[in-house]
Protein backbone atom coordinates (compact mmCIF):
# COMPACT_ATOMS: atom_id res chain seq x y z
CA MET A 1 15.39 -16.20 -13.39
CA SER A 2 13.20 -14.56 -10.55
CA ARG A 3 11.39 -16.92 -8.18
CA ILE A 4 8.30 -14.95 -8.91
CA PHE A 5 7.99 -16.12 -12.48
CA THR A 6 7.19 -19.69 -11.43
CA VAL A 7 4.64 -18.71 -8.77
CA SER A 8 1.00 -19.47 -9.77
CA PHE A 9 -0.95 -16.21 -10.13
CA ALA A 10 -3.70 -17.88 -8.10
CA SER A 11 -1.42 -18.43 -5.14
CA VAL A 12 -0.84 -14.41 -5.31
CA TYR A 13 -4.55 -13.33 -6.43
CA PRO A 14 -6.15 -13.82 -2.91
CA HIS A 15 -3.45 -11.48 -1.29
CA TYR A 16 -4.32 -8.80 -4.04
CA VAL A 17 -7.85 -9.21 -3.18
CA THR A 18 -7.18 -8.95 0.89
CA LYS A 19 -4.98 -5.82 0.23
CA VAL A 20 -7.41 -3.95 -1.86
CA GLU A 21 -10.62 -5.15 0.20
CA LYS A 22 -8.85 -4.07 3.63
CA LYS A 23 -8.81 -0.34 2.00
CA GLY A 24 -12.43 -0.39 1.17
CA ARG A 25 -12.01 -1.32 -2.75
CA THR A 26 -13.87 -4.11 -4.09
CA LYS A 27 -12.75 -7.68 -5.83
CA ALA A 28 -14.46 -6.41 -8.88
CA GLU A 29 -12.43 -3.35 -9.08
CA LEU A 30 -9.46 -5.42 -8.97
CA ASP A 31 -10.60 -7.51 -11.64
CA GLN A 32 -11.20 -4.34 -13.82
CA VAL A 33 -7.79 -3.15 -13.01
CA ILE A 34 -6.49 -6.55 -14.20
CA GLU A 35 -8.40 -6.51 -17.30
CA TRP A 36 -7.36 -3.17 -17.92
CA LEU A 37 -3.52 -4.37 -17.74
CA THR A 38 -3.67 -7.82 -19.46
CA GLY A 39 -6.84 -7.96 -21.75
CA PHE A 40 -8.33 -10.88 -19.75
CA ASP A 41 -12.11 -10.62 -18.89
CA ALA A 42 -13.68 -12.47 -16.14
CA ALA A 43 -13.91 -15.68 -17.83
CA ALA A 44 -10.24 -15.75 -18.85
CA LEU A 45 -9.16 -14.44 -15.38
CA LYS A 46 -11.17 -17.33 -13.89
CA GLN A 47 -9.54 -19.71 -16.27
CA HIS A 48 -5.95 -18.78 -15.45
CA LEU A 49 -7.03 -19.08 -11.53
CA ALA A 50 -8.37 -22.47 -12.03
CA ALA A 51 -5.50 -23.54 -14.12
CA GLU A 52 -2.98 -22.18 -11.47
CA THR A 53 -1.09 -20.44 -14.26
CA THR A 54 2.58 -19.25 -13.28
CA PHE A 55 3.31 -15.32 -13.56
CA GLU A 56 5.52 -16.21 -16.64
CA ASP A 57 2.34 -17.90 -18.62
CA PHE A 58 -0.13 -15.55 -17.22
CA PHE A 59 1.74 -12.61 -18.82
CA ALA A 60 2.59 -14.46 -21.85
CA ASP A 61 -0.87 -15.08 -22.71
CA ALA A 62 -1.79 -11.29 -21.88
CA HIS A 63 -2.36 -8.45 -24.36
CA LEU A 64 -0.89 -5.67 -22.45
CA ASN A 65 -2.52 -2.48 -22.53
CA PRO A 66 -0.71 -0.21 -24.89
CA ARG A 67 -0.87 2.71 -22.01
CA ALA A 68 0.87 0.28 -19.65
CA SER A 69 4.03 2.09 -20.02
CA SER A 70 2.62 5.32 -18.50
CA ILE A 71 2.54 3.29 -15.33
CA THR A 72 5.45 4.88 -13.13
CA GLY A 73 6.58 4.99 -9.65
CA VAL A 74 7.97 2.73 -7.16
CA VAL A 75 7.26 -0.73 -6.07
CA CYS A 76 9.50 -2.48 -3.47
CA GLY A 77 12.18 0.30 -3.67
CA VAL A 78 12.38 -0.15 -7.56
CA ARG A 79 11.30 2.26 -10.18
CA VAL A 80 8.70 0.32 -12.33
CA GLU A 81 9.84 2.40 -15.52
CA SER A 82 13.38 1.32 -15.22
CA ILE A 83 12.97 -2.31 -14.50
CA ASP A 84 15.08 -4.21 -17.36
CA ASP A 85 13.42 -7.73 -17.55
CA PRO A 86 10.21 -7.15 -19.42
CA LEU A 87 8.34 -10.11 -17.45
CA MET A 88 9.59 -8.46 -14.07
CA GLN A 89 8.39 -5.03 -15.44
CA LYS A 90 4.87 -6.40 -16.18
CA ILE A 91 4.61 -8.05 -12.55
CA ARG A 92 5.61 -4.83 -11.15
CA TYR A 93 3.03 -2.84 -13.38
CA LEU A 94 0.40 -5.04 -11.71
CA ASP A 95 1.65 -4.35 -8.24
CA LYS A 96 1.80 -0.90 -8.88
CA LEU A 97 -1.84 -0.89 -9.79
CA VAL A 98 -3.02 -2.92 -7.19
CA ASP A 99 -1.16 -0.48 -4.53
CA GLU A 100 -2.75 2.64 -6.47
CA LEU A 101 -6.44 0.71 -5.98
CA ALA A 102 -5.53 0.03 -2.23
CA LYS A 103 -4.48 3.68 -1.86
CA GLY A 104 -7.98 4.97 -2.99
CA LYS A 105 -6.85 6.51 -6.38
CA SER A 106 -9.76 6.82 -8.70
CA MET A 107 -10.50 4.32 -11.20
CA ASP A 108 -9.80 6.83 -13.98
CA LYS A 109 -6.23 7.52 -12.86
CA ILE A 110 -5.39 3.99 -12.33
CA LEU A 111 -6.60 3.17 -15.69
CA ARG A 112 -4.78 5.95 -17.16
CA ALA A 113 -8.03 7.47 -18.41
């Protein structure tokens, strides 16, 4: 099992916020992307952050967007669409969306509208 599975989502979330804000995007946009992927609204996201939910439990509780499989590309040198482990793939989907947000892609494109 990968070490990231047992890391709390709350410990990584501030890094996501910093990454997107450094590129001129907002925490609200980040939260919108997370909600699109996981189905967690602001209250549910806040609850997971407060509870310091692990990535494993965070994604176990998520209702993954049916269009999540349309997220493709490379994160950390690995193609997200070819990751075998379902949990690792979901984590990389999130990483990819955060990257796209930080790179200035339009929300329509990020949310696969």
